[in-house]
N, C-alpha and C. Protein backbone atom coordinates (compact mmCIF):
# COMPACT_ATOMS: atom_id res chain seq x y z
N MET A 1 -39.32 -6.42 12.91
CA MET A 1 -38.77 -5.50 11.94
C MET A 1 -38.08 -6.30 10.83
N ASN A 2 -38.25 -5.88 9.61
CA ASN A 2 -37.51 -6.45 8.48
C ASN A 2 -36.21 -5.68 8.34
N ILE A 3 -35.09 -6.39 8.40
CA ILE A 3 -33.78 -5.76 8.31
C ILE A 3 -33.05 -6.33 7.10
N CYS A 4 -32.68 -5.44 6.19
CA CYS A 4 -31.97 -5.84 4.97
C CYS A 4 -30.47 -5.84 5.26
N VAL A 5 -29.82 -6.92 4.87
CA VAL A 5 -28.37 -7.04 5.05
C VAL A 5 -27.71 -7.13 3.69
N PHE A 6 -26.77 -6.23 3.45
CA PHE A 6 -25.92 -6.26 2.25
C PHE A 6 -24.60 -6.88 2.68
N CYS A 7 -24.14 -7.91 1.96
CA CYS A 7 -22.87 -8.54 2.32
C CYS A 7 -22.33 -9.34 1.14
N GLY A 8 -21.15 -9.87 1.34
CA GLY A 8 -20.42 -10.51 0.27
C GLY A 8 -20.97 -11.85 -0.19
N SER A 9 -20.77 -12.12 -1.47
CA SER A 9 -21.06 -13.45 -2.02
C SER A 9 -19.86 -14.37 -1.83
N GLY A 10 -18.80 -13.83 -1.23
CA GLY A 10 -17.65 -14.61 -0.79
C GLY A 10 -17.56 -14.51 0.72
N THR A 11 -16.63 -15.27 1.30
CA THR A 11 -16.50 -15.25 2.76
C THR A 11 -15.32 -14.42 3.23
N GLY A 12 -14.49 -13.94 2.31
CA GLY A 12 -13.32 -13.17 2.71
C GLY A 12 -12.20 -14.08 3.15
N GLY A 13 -11.07 -13.48 3.42
CA GLY A 13 -9.88 -14.26 3.75
C GLY A 13 -9.66 -14.49 5.23
N ASN A 14 -10.58 -14.01 6.08
CA ASN A 14 -10.43 -14.15 7.52
C ASN A 14 -11.72 -14.75 8.07
N PRO A 15 -11.64 -15.81 8.86
CA PRO A 15 -12.86 -16.45 9.39
C PRO A 15 -13.70 -15.55 10.29
N VAL A 16 -13.16 -14.42 10.72
CA VAL A 16 -13.91 -13.50 11.56
C VAL A 16 -15.16 -12.97 10.83
N TYR A 17 -15.09 -12.87 9.50
CA TYR A 17 -16.24 -12.37 8.73
C TYR A 17 -17.39 -13.38 8.73
N ALA A 18 -17.08 -14.65 8.55
CA ALA A 18 -18.11 -15.69 8.59
C ALA A 18 -18.73 -15.77 9.98
N GLU A 19 -17.90 -15.63 11.01
CA GLU A 19 -18.41 -15.67 12.38
C GLU A 19 -19.34 -14.49 12.64
N ALA A 20 -18.99 -13.32 12.14
CA ALA A 20 -19.85 -12.14 12.30
C ALA A 20 -21.18 -12.34 11.58
N ALA A 21 -21.14 -12.94 10.40
CA ALA A 21 -22.37 -13.21 9.65
C ALA A 21 -23.26 -14.19 10.42
N ARG A 22 -22.65 -15.21 10.98
CA ARG A 22 -23.38 -16.20 11.77
C ARG A 22 -24.02 -15.54 13.00
N THR A 23 -23.24 -14.74 13.70
CA THR A 23 -23.74 -14.06 14.89
C THR A 23 -24.84 -13.06 14.53
N LEU A 24 -24.67 -12.35 13.42
CA LEU A 24 -25.70 -11.42 12.98
C LEU A 24 -27.00 -12.16 12.70
N GLY A 25 -26.93 -13.28 12.01
CA GLY A 25 -28.13 -14.07 11.72
C GLY A 25 -28.81 -14.55 12.98
N GLN A 26 -28.02 -15.05 13.92
CA GLN A 26 -28.58 -15.52 15.20
C GLN A 26 -29.23 -14.38 15.97
N THR A 27 -28.59 -13.21 15.93
CA THR A 27 -29.11 -12.04 16.64
C THR A 27 -30.41 -11.55 16.01
N LEU A 28 -30.47 -11.56 14.70
CA LEU A 28 -31.71 -11.17 14.01
C LEU A 28 -32.85 -12.09 14.43
N ALA A 29 -32.62 -13.39 14.39
CA ALA A 29 -33.66 -14.35 14.74
C ALA A 29 -34.06 -14.22 16.20
N ALA A 30 -33.09 -14.04 17.09
CA ALA A 30 -33.38 -13.92 18.52
C ALA A 30 -34.25 -12.70 18.80
N GLY A 31 -34.09 -11.66 18.01
CA GLY A 31 -34.89 -10.44 18.17
C GLY A 31 -36.20 -10.48 17.40
N ASN A 32 -36.50 -11.62 16.79
CA ASN A 32 -37.72 -11.79 15.98
C ASN A 32 -37.75 -10.84 14.79
N HIS A 33 -36.57 -10.56 14.23
CA HIS A 33 -36.48 -9.72 13.04
C HIS A 33 -36.38 -10.62 11.81
N THR A 34 -36.96 -10.18 10.72
CA THR A 34 -36.88 -10.91 9.45
C THR A 34 -35.69 -10.40 8.65
N LEU A 35 -34.89 -11.32 8.16
CA LEU A 35 -33.77 -10.97 7.28
C LEU A 35 -34.29 -10.77 5.87
N VAL A 36 -33.94 -9.65 5.27
CA VAL A 36 -34.15 -9.40 3.84
C VAL A 36 -32.74 -9.31 3.26
N TYR A 37 -32.49 -10.05 2.19
CA TYR A 37 -31.13 -10.05 1.63
C TYR A 37 -31.18 -10.45 0.17
N GLY A 38 -30.01 -10.57 -0.45
CA GLY A 38 -29.91 -10.80 -1.88
C GLY A 38 -30.25 -12.19 -2.38
N GLY A 39 -30.67 -13.09 -1.51
CA GLY A 39 -31.19 -14.39 -1.93
C GLY A 39 -30.18 -15.47 -2.26
N GLY A 40 -28.90 -15.21 -2.05
CA GLY A 40 -27.89 -16.20 -2.42
C GLY A 40 -27.65 -17.26 -1.35
N ASN A 41 -27.09 -18.37 -1.82
CA ASN A 41 -26.75 -19.48 -0.91
C ASN A 41 -25.24 -19.59 -0.71
N ILE A 42 -24.50 -18.57 -1.15
CA ILE A 42 -23.04 -18.60 -1.10
C ILE A 42 -22.51 -17.45 -0.26
N GLY A 43 -21.27 -17.57 0.18
CA GLY A 43 -20.57 -16.50 0.88
C GLY A 43 -21.24 -16.09 2.18
N LEU A 44 -20.98 -14.85 2.58
CA LEU A 44 -21.58 -14.33 3.79
C LEU A 44 -23.09 -14.29 3.69
N MET A 45 -23.61 -14.09 2.47
CA MET A 45 -25.06 -14.10 2.27
C MET A 45 -25.66 -15.42 2.74
N GLY A 46 -25.09 -16.51 2.29
CA GLY A 46 -25.60 -17.83 2.67
C GLY A 46 -25.44 -18.10 4.15
N ILE A 47 -24.34 -17.65 4.73
CA ILE A 47 -24.08 -17.88 6.15
C ILE A 47 -25.10 -17.15 7.01
N VAL A 48 -25.35 -15.87 6.72
CA VAL A 48 -26.30 -15.11 7.54
C VAL A 48 -27.70 -15.69 7.39
N ALA A 49 -28.09 -16.07 6.16
CA ALA A 49 -29.42 -16.65 5.95
C ALA A 49 -29.56 -17.98 6.68
N ASP A 50 -28.56 -18.84 6.57
CA ASP A 50 -28.61 -20.14 7.26
C ASP A 50 -28.67 -19.96 8.77
N ALA A 51 -27.94 -18.99 9.31
CA ALA A 51 -27.96 -18.75 10.76
C ALA A 51 -29.33 -18.29 11.23
N VAL A 52 -29.99 -17.44 10.45
CA VAL A 52 -31.35 -17.02 10.80
C VAL A 52 -32.27 -18.22 10.80
N LEU A 53 -32.21 -19.02 9.75
CA LEU A 53 -33.09 -20.20 9.64
C LEU A 53 -32.82 -21.20 10.76
N GLN A 54 -31.56 -21.49 11.03
CA GLN A 54 -31.21 -22.45 12.08
C GLN A 54 -31.63 -21.96 13.46
N SER A 55 -31.81 -20.65 13.60
CA SER A 55 -32.25 -20.08 14.88
C SER A 55 -33.75 -19.85 14.92
N GLY A 56 -34.46 -20.38 13.92
CA GLY A 56 -35.92 -20.30 13.91
C GLY A 56 -36.49 -19.02 13.34
N GLY A 57 -35.67 -18.26 12.63
CA GLY A 57 -36.12 -16.98 12.08
C GLY A 57 -36.66 -17.09 10.67
N ARG A 58 -37.06 -15.94 10.16
CA ARG A 58 -37.67 -15.82 8.83
C ARG A 58 -36.70 -15.09 7.90
N VAL A 59 -36.63 -15.56 6.64
CA VAL A 59 -35.70 -15.01 5.65
C VAL A 59 -36.42 -14.76 4.33
N ILE A 60 -36.29 -13.54 3.83
CA ILE A 60 -36.81 -13.17 2.51
C ILE A 60 -35.62 -12.84 1.63
N GLY A 61 -35.47 -13.57 0.54
CA GLY A 61 -34.41 -13.30 -0.42
C GLY A 61 -34.96 -12.72 -1.70
N VAL A 62 -34.19 -11.83 -2.31
CA VAL A 62 -34.56 -11.22 -3.59
C VAL A 62 -33.38 -11.40 -4.52
N ILE A 63 -33.59 -12.13 -5.60
CA ILE A 63 -32.48 -12.47 -6.49
C ILE A 63 -32.88 -12.25 -7.95
N PRO A 64 -31.98 -11.70 -8.75
CA PRO A 64 -32.29 -11.58 -10.18
C PRO A 64 -32.27 -12.94 -10.86
N ASP A 65 -33.06 -13.06 -11.88
CA ASP A 65 -33.21 -14.32 -12.61
C ASP A 65 -31.87 -14.87 -13.11
N PHE A 66 -30.99 -14.00 -13.61
CA PHE A 66 -29.73 -14.51 -14.16
C PHE A 66 -28.87 -15.18 -13.09
N LEU A 67 -28.97 -14.70 -11.83
CA LEU A 67 -28.22 -15.36 -10.75
C LEU A 67 -28.92 -16.65 -10.32
N MET A 68 -30.23 -16.65 -10.39
CA MET A 68 -30.98 -17.87 -10.06
C MET A 68 -30.61 -18.98 -11.04
N GLN A 69 -30.45 -18.62 -12.31
CA GLN A 69 -30.08 -19.60 -13.33
C GLN A 69 -28.67 -20.14 -13.12
N LYS A 70 -27.82 -19.37 -12.45
CA LYS A 70 -26.46 -19.85 -12.12
C LYS A 70 -26.47 -20.73 -10.88
N GLU A 71 -27.67 -21.02 -10.37
CA GLU A 71 -27.86 -21.90 -9.21
C GLU A 71 -27.25 -21.37 -7.94
N VAL A 72 -27.29 -20.04 -7.75
CA VAL A 72 -26.80 -19.48 -6.49
C VAL A 72 -27.96 -19.01 -5.60
N GLY A 73 -29.20 -19.21 -6.05
CA GLY A 73 -30.35 -18.85 -5.23
C GLY A 73 -30.53 -19.85 -4.09
N HIS A 74 -30.84 -19.34 -2.92
CA HIS A 74 -31.03 -20.17 -1.72
C HIS A 74 -32.45 -20.71 -1.74
N LYS A 75 -32.60 -21.99 -2.00
CA LYS A 75 -33.93 -22.59 -2.14
C LYS A 75 -34.53 -23.01 -0.81
N GLY A 76 -33.79 -22.87 0.30
CA GLY A 76 -34.30 -23.31 1.59
C GLY A 76 -34.82 -22.19 2.48
N ILE A 77 -34.93 -20.97 1.94
CA ILE A 77 -35.37 -19.85 2.78
C ILE A 77 -36.90 -19.74 2.81
N THR A 78 -37.38 -18.90 3.68
CA THR A 78 -38.81 -18.73 3.89
C THR A 78 -39.51 -18.27 2.62
N GLN A 79 -38.92 -17.28 1.96
CA GLN A 79 -39.52 -16.69 0.76
C GLN A 79 -38.40 -16.25 -0.18
N LEU A 80 -38.48 -16.66 -1.44
CA LEU A 80 -37.49 -16.25 -2.43
C LEU A 80 -38.22 -15.59 -3.59
N GLU A 81 -37.89 -14.34 -3.83
CA GLU A 81 -38.48 -13.60 -4.94
C GLU A 81 -37.46 -13.48 -6.06
N VAL A 82 -37.85 -13.83 -7.25
CA VAL A 82 -36.97 -13.72 -8.42
C VAL A 82 -37.43 -12.50 -9.22
N VAL A 83 -36.48 -11.59 -9.46
CA VAL A 83 -36.77 -10.36 -10.19
C VAL A 83 -35.95 -10.32 -11.48
N GLY A 84 -36.19 -9.30 -12.29
CA GLY A 84 -35.58 -9.24 -13.61
C GLY A 84 -34.18 -8.66 -13.67
N SER A 85 -33.80 -7.84 -12.67
CA SER A 85 -32.50 -7.16 -12.78
C SER A 85 -31.95 -6.82 -11.39
N MET A 86 -30.70 -6.40 -11.38
CA MET A 86 -30.07 -5.96 -10.13
C MET A 86 -30.78 -4.71 -9.59
N HIS A 87 -31.19 -3.82 -10.50
CA HIS A 87 -31.91 -2.62 -10.07
C HIS A 87 -33.22 -2.97 -9.38
N GLU A 88 -33.95 -3.92 -9.97
CA GLU A 88 -35.21 -4.36 -9.35
C GLU A 88 -34.96 -5.00 -8.00
N ARG A 89 -33.87 -5.73 -7.88
CA ARG A 89 -33.51 -6.38 -6.62
C ARG A 89 -33.33 -5.33 -5.51
N LYS A 90 -32.53 -4.30 -5.80
CA LYS A 90 -32.29 -3.26 -4.80
C LYS A 90 -33.58 -2.54 -4.42
N ARG A 91 -34.40 -2.24 -5.40
CA ARG A 91 -35.67 -1.55 -5.13
C ARG A 91 -36.58 -2.42 -4.26
N ARG A 92 -36.66 -3.69 -4.60
CA ARG A 92 -37.55 -4.59 -3.84
C ARG A 92 -37.05 -4.78 -2.41
N MET A 93 -35.75 -4.94 -2.24
CA MET A 93 -35.20 -5.07 -0.89
C MET A 93 -35.50 -3.81 -0.08
N ALA A 94 -35.37 -2.64 -0.71
CA ALA A 94 -35.67 -1.38 -0.03
C ALA A 94 -37.14 -1.30 0.34
N ASP A 95 -38.01 -1.77 -0.53
CA ASP A 95 -39.45 -1.76 -0.24
C ASP A 95 -39.79 -2.66 0.94
N LEU A 96 -39.06 -3.74 1.11
CA LEU A 96 -39.36 -4.72 2.15
C LEU A 96 -38.76 -4.37 3.51
N ALA A 97 -37.73 -3.52 3.56
CA ALA A 97 -36.96 -3.33 4.79
C ALA A 97 -37.32 -2.06 5.55
N GLN A 98 -37.18 -2.16 6.87
CA GLN A 98 -37.32 -0.99 7.74
C GLN A 98 -35.96 -0.49 8.25
N ALA A 99 -34.91 -1.27 8.02
CA ALA A 99 -33.54 -0.87 8.38
C ALA A 99 -32.58 -1.64 7.48
N PHE A 100 -31.34 -1.13 7.39
CA PHE A 100 -30.33 -1.72 6.51
C PHE A 100 -29.02 -1.87 7.25
N ILE A 101 -28.31 -2.95 6.94
CA ILE A 101 -26.99 -3.20 7.49
C ILE A 101 -26.06 -3.59 6.34
N ALA A 102 -24.88 -2.97 6.32
CA ALA A 102 -23.83 -3.39 5.39
C ALA A 102 -22.77 -4.13 6.19
N MET A 103 -22.47 -5.34 5.73
CA MET A 103 -21.37 -6.15 6.26
C MET A 103 -20.23 -6.11 5.24
N PRO A 104 -19.08 -6.66 5.55
CA PRO A 104 -18.02 -6.74 4.57
C PRO A 104 -18.47 -7.43 3.27
N GLY A 105 -17.94 -6.94 2.18
CA GLY A 105 -18.26 -7.48 0.86
C GLY A 105 -17.45 -6.75 -0.19
N GLY A 106 -17.80 -6.98 -1.43
CA GLY A 106 -17.08 -6.38 -2.55
C GLY A 106 -17.87 -5.28 -3.24
N TRP A 107 -17.74 -5.24 -4.57
CA TRP A 107 -18.39 -4.19 -5.35
C TRP A 107 -19.90 -4.15 -5.13
N GLY A 108 -20.53 -5.31 -5.12
CA GLY A 108 -21.99 -5.34 -4.97
C GLY A 108 -22.43 -4.74 -3.65
N THR A 109 -21.74 -5.09 -2.59
CA THR A 109 -22.06 -4.56 -1.27
C THR A 109 -21.85 -3.05 -1.24
N LEU A 110 -20.73 -2.60 -1.79
CA LEU A 110 -20.45 -1.17 -1.84
C LEU A 110 -21.51 -0.43 -2.64
N ASP A 111 -21.93 -1.00 -3.76
CA ASP A 111 -22.98 -0.41 -4.60
C ASP A 111 -24.29 -0.30 -3.81
N GLU A 112 -24.66 -1.38 -3.13
CA GLU A 112 -25.92 -1.38 -2.37
C GLU A 112 -25.88 -0.35 -1.25
N LEU A 113 -24.76 -0.29 -0.52
CA LEU A 113 -24.63 0.68 0.56
C LEU A 113 -24.69 2.11 0.02
N ALA A 114 -23.94 2.39 -1.04
CA ALA A 114 -23.93 3.74 -1.60
C ALA A 114 -25.33 4.14 -2.08
N GLU A 115 -26.02 3.23 -2.72
CA GLU A 115 -27.35 3.58 -3.23
C GLU A 115 -28.33 3.84 -2.09
N ILE A 116 -28.31 3.00 -1.06
CA ILE A 116 -29.27 3.18 0.03
C ILE A 116 -28.94 4.45 0.81
N LEU A 117 -27.66 4.79 0.97
CA LEU A 117 -27.29 6.05 1.63
C LEU A 117 -27.73 7.25 0.79
N THR A 118 -27.62 7.13 -0.52
CA THR A 118 -28.09 8.20 -1.41
C THR A 118 -29.60 8.37 -1.30
N TRP A 119 -30.33 7.25 -1.31
CA TRP A 119 -31.79 7.33 -1.19
C TRP A 119 -32.19 7.97 0.14
N LYS A 120 -31.46 7.64 1.20
CA LYS A 120 -31.74 8.23 2.52
C LYS A 120 -31.47 9.73 2.48
N GLN A 121 -30.35 10.13 1.91
CA GLN A 121 -29.99 11.54 1.80
C GLN A 121 -31.05 12.32 1.02
N LEU A 122 -31.59 11.72 -0.03
CA LEU A 122 -32.59 12.37 -0.87
C LEU A 122 -34.00 12.31 -0.29
N GLY A 123 -34.15 11.58 0.82
CA GLY A 123 -35.46 11.45 1.44
C GLY A 123 -36.36 10.42 0.80
N LEU A 124 -35.80 9.57 -0.06
CA LEU A 124 -36.60 8.53 -0.71
C LEU A 124 -36.93 7.39 0.24
N ILE A 125 -36.10 7.22 1.26
CA ILE A 125 -36.36 6.26 2.34
C ILE A 125 -36.09 6.97 3.66
N LYS A 126 -36.70 6.48 4.71
CA LYS A 126 -36.50 7.04 6.05
C LYS A 126 -35.76 6.05 6.96
N ALA A 127 -35.51 4.86 6.48
CA ALA A 127 -34.95 3.78 7.29
C ALA A 127 -33.55 4.09 7.79
N ASP A 128 -33.22 3.52 8.95
CA ASP A 128 -31.87 3.63 9.49
C ASP A 128 -30.91 2.74 8.71
N VAL A 129 -29.67 3.18 8.60
CA VAL A 129 -28.63 2.44 7.89
C VAL A 129 -27.47 2.22 8.85
N GLY A 130 -27.04 0.98 8.95
CA GLY A 130 -25.94 0.63 9.82
C GLY A 130 -24.80 -0.02 9.07
N ILE A 131 -23.61 0.14 9.60
CA ILE A 131 -22.42 -0.51 9.05
C ILE A 131 -21.85 -1.40 10.14
N LEU A 132 -21.73 -2.70 9.84
CA LEU A 132 -21.10 -3.64 10.75
C LEU A 132 -19.61 -3.66 10.41
N ASN A 133 -18.84 -2.95 11.20
CA ASN A 133 -17.42 -2.74 10.91
C ASN A 133 -16.55 -3.84 11.53
N THR A 134 -16.83 -5.06 11.12
CA THR A 134 -16.09 -6.24 11.59
C THR A 134 -14.62 -6.13 11.20
N ASN A 135 -13.75 -6.35 12.17
CA ASN A 135 -12.31 -6.38 11.91
C ASN A 135 -11.83 -5.08 11.27
N LYS A 136 -12.52 -3.98 11.57
CA LYS A 136 -12.19 -2.65 11.03
C LYS A 136 -12.26 -2.61 9.50
N TYR A 137 -13.08 -3.48 8.93
CA TYR A 137 -13.18 -3.61 7.48
C TYR A 137 -13.51 -2.28 6.80
N PHE A 138 -14.40 -1.50 7.39
CA PHE A 138 -14.87 -0.28 6.74
C PHE A 138 -14.11 0.98 7.17
N ASP A 139 -13.03 0.84 7.95
CA ASP A 139 -12.32 2.02 8.44
C ASP A 139 -11.90 2.97 7.31
N ALA A 140 -11.34 2.44 6.24
CA ALA A 140 -10.89 3.30 5.15
C ALA A 140 -12.07 4.00 4.48
N LEU A 141 -13.18 3.30 4.30
CA LEU A 141 -14.37 3.91 3.70
C LEU A 141 -14.93 4.99 4.62
N LEU A 142 -14.96 4.73 5.92
CA LEU A 142 -15.44 5.73 6.87
C LEU A 142 -14.53 6.96 6.87
N SER A 143 -13.23 6.75 6.74
CA SER A 143 -12.30 7.88 6.63
C SER A 143 -12.57 8.69 5.36
N GLN A 144 -12.88 7.99 4.28
CA GLN A 144 -13.22 8.68 3.03
C GLN A 144 -14.49 9.50 3.22
N MET A 145 -15.47 8.96 3.91
CA MET A 145 -16.70 9.70 4.16
C MET A 145 -16.42 10.94 5.01
N GLU A 146 -15.54 10.82 6.01
CA GLU A 146 -15.15 11.98 6.82
C GLU A 146 -14.48 13.04 5.94
N LYS A 147 -13.66 12.62 4.99
CA LYS A 147 -13.01 13.54 4.05
C LYS A 147 -14.06 14.24 3.18
N MET A 148 -15.09 13.50 2.79
CA MET A 148 -16.18 14.08 2.00
C MET A 148 -16.87 15.20 2.80
N VAL A 149 -17.05 14.98 4.10
CA VAL A 149 -17.64 16.00 4.96
C VAL A 149 -16.68 17.20 5.07
N GLN A 150 -15.41 16.93 5.36
CA GLN A 150 -14.41 17.99 5.53
C GLN A 150 -14.30 18.88 4.30
N ASP A 151 -14.39 18.26 3.13
CA ASP A 151 -14.22 19.01 1.89
C ASP A 151 -15.53 19.54 1.31
N GLY A 152 -16.62 19.39 2.06
CA GLY A 152 -17.88 20.00 1.67
C GLY A 152 -18.71 19.26 0.65
N PHE A 153 -18.45 17.97 0.46
CA PHE A 153 -19.23 17.19 -0.50
C PHE A 153 -20.33 16.36 0.15
N LEU A 154 -20.31 16.25 1.47
CA LEU A 154 -21.29 15.46 2.20
C LEU A 154 -21.66 16.23 3.46
N ALA A 155 -22.94 16.38 3.69
CA ALA A 155 -23.39 17.06 4.90
C ALA A 155 -23.02 16.22 6.12
N ALA A 156 -22.53 16.88 7.15
CA ALA A 156 -22.15 16.18 8.38
C ALA A 156 -23.33 15.40 8.94
N SER A 157 -24.54 15.93 8.80
CA SER A 157 -25.73 15.23 9.31
C SER A 157 -25.97 13.92 8.57
N ASN A 158 -25.64 13.86 7.30
CA ASN A 158 -25.80 12.61 6.54
C ASN A 158 -24.81 11.57 7.02
N PHE A 159 -23.58 11.98 7.25
CA PHE A 159 -22.58 11.04 7.77
C PHE A 159 -22.97 10.58 9.18
N ALA A 160 -23.41 11.52 10.00
CA ALA A 160 -23.78 11.21 11.38
C ALA A 160 -25.01 10.30 11.46
N SER A 161 -25.78 10.22 10.40
CA SER A 161 -27.00 9.38 10.43
C SER A 161 -26.69 7.89 10.30
N ILE A 162 -25.45 7.55 9.97
CA ILE A 162 -25.06 6.15 9.82
C ILE A 162 -24.73 5.58 11.20
N THR A 163 -25.32 4.45 11.53
CA THR A 163 -25.01 3.76 12.78
C THR A 163 -23.86 2.81 12.51
N ILE A 164 -22.81 2.90 13.33
CA ILE A 164 -21.61 2.09 13.11
C ILE A 164 -21.30 1.31 14.37
N ALA A 165 -21.06 0.01 14.22
CA ALA A 165 -20.67 -0.83 15.35
C ALA A 165 -19.80 -1.96 14.85
N SER A 166 -18.99 -2.50 15.74
CA SER A 166 -18.10 -3.59 15.35
C SER A 166 -18.68 -4.96 15.71
N GLN A 167 -19.71 -4.99 16.54
CA GLN A 167 -20.33 -6.25 16.97
C GLN A 167 -21.79 -6.31 16.51
N PRO A 168 -22.22 -7.46 15.96
CA PRO A 168 -23.60 -7.57 15.47
C PRO A 168 -24.66 -7.24 16.51
N GLN A 169 -24.48 -7.70 17.74
CA GLN A 169 -25.48 -7.46 18.78
C GLN A 169 -25.61 -5.96 19.06
N ASP A 170 -24.50 -5.25 19.09
CA ASP A 170 -24.53 -3.81 19.35
C ASP A 170 -25.25 -3.08 18.21
N LEU A 171 -24.96 -3.45 16.98
CA LEU A 171 -25.56 -2.79 15.83
C LEU A 171 -27.07 -3.02 15.80
N ILE A 172 -27.49 -4.26 15.97
CA ILE A 172 -28.93 -4.56 15.98
C ILE A 172 -29.62 -3.81 17.12
N GLY A 173 -28.99 -3.78 18.29
CA GLY A 173 -29.55 -3.06 19.42
C GLY A 173 -29.76 -1.58 19.13
N GLN A 174 -28.78 -0.98 18.48
CA GLN A 174 -28.88 0.45 18.17
C GLN A 174 -29.92 0.72 17.08
N LEU A 175 -29.98 -0.15 16.06
CA LEU A 175 -30.93 0.06 14.97
C LEU A 175 -32.37 -0.19 15.38
N THR A 176 -32.58 -1.04 16.37
CA THR A 176 -33.95 -1.40 16.75
C THR A 176 -34.42 -0.72 18.03
N ALA A 177 -33.56 0.09 18.64
CA ALA A 177 -33.94 0.79 19.87
C ALA A 177 -35.05 1.80 19.56
N PRO A 178 -36.00 1.95 20.48
CA PRO A 178 -37.06 2.95 20.28
C PRO A 178 -36.44 4.34 20.14
N GLN A 179 -37.00 5.13 19.22
CA GLN A 179 -36.42 6.45 18.93
C GLN A 179 -37.18 7.55 19.63
């Protein structure tokens, strides 16, 4: 299975995030899953990609040209696709993936997660979406989503469709289990 991971171009202020990225990469490779991600060699993105590669796995990166020119593209991965824009990047990653995982990150990660959840809600994709809630990173966002349901802005079924786990192995197991 191709699994797209959205995560930070930084490592965060707690080493638990880098360790989760490393474990996620190792778990993906051990399950013979291909990582699809934003193509960077920095932050959690670089850590998860390197962990997949070091564990004998396959990595497909998709990066916009302007970021490639800033020399943040990971040149050691299995396949690196250079696209024209951030929009093209998200579309291409969605085309390549059968499931999605959001790890801790900043605006870009939040944007990617929100867009893929919207596409799922609209029926544009059928893939499962998971949140790796390392160190309770997403607790406030999950509370906001619950508020959206309570106040009638989000269908409870859409919120319930998100797979949430705090450990990479648990999340991968749930996303890849036969349905």
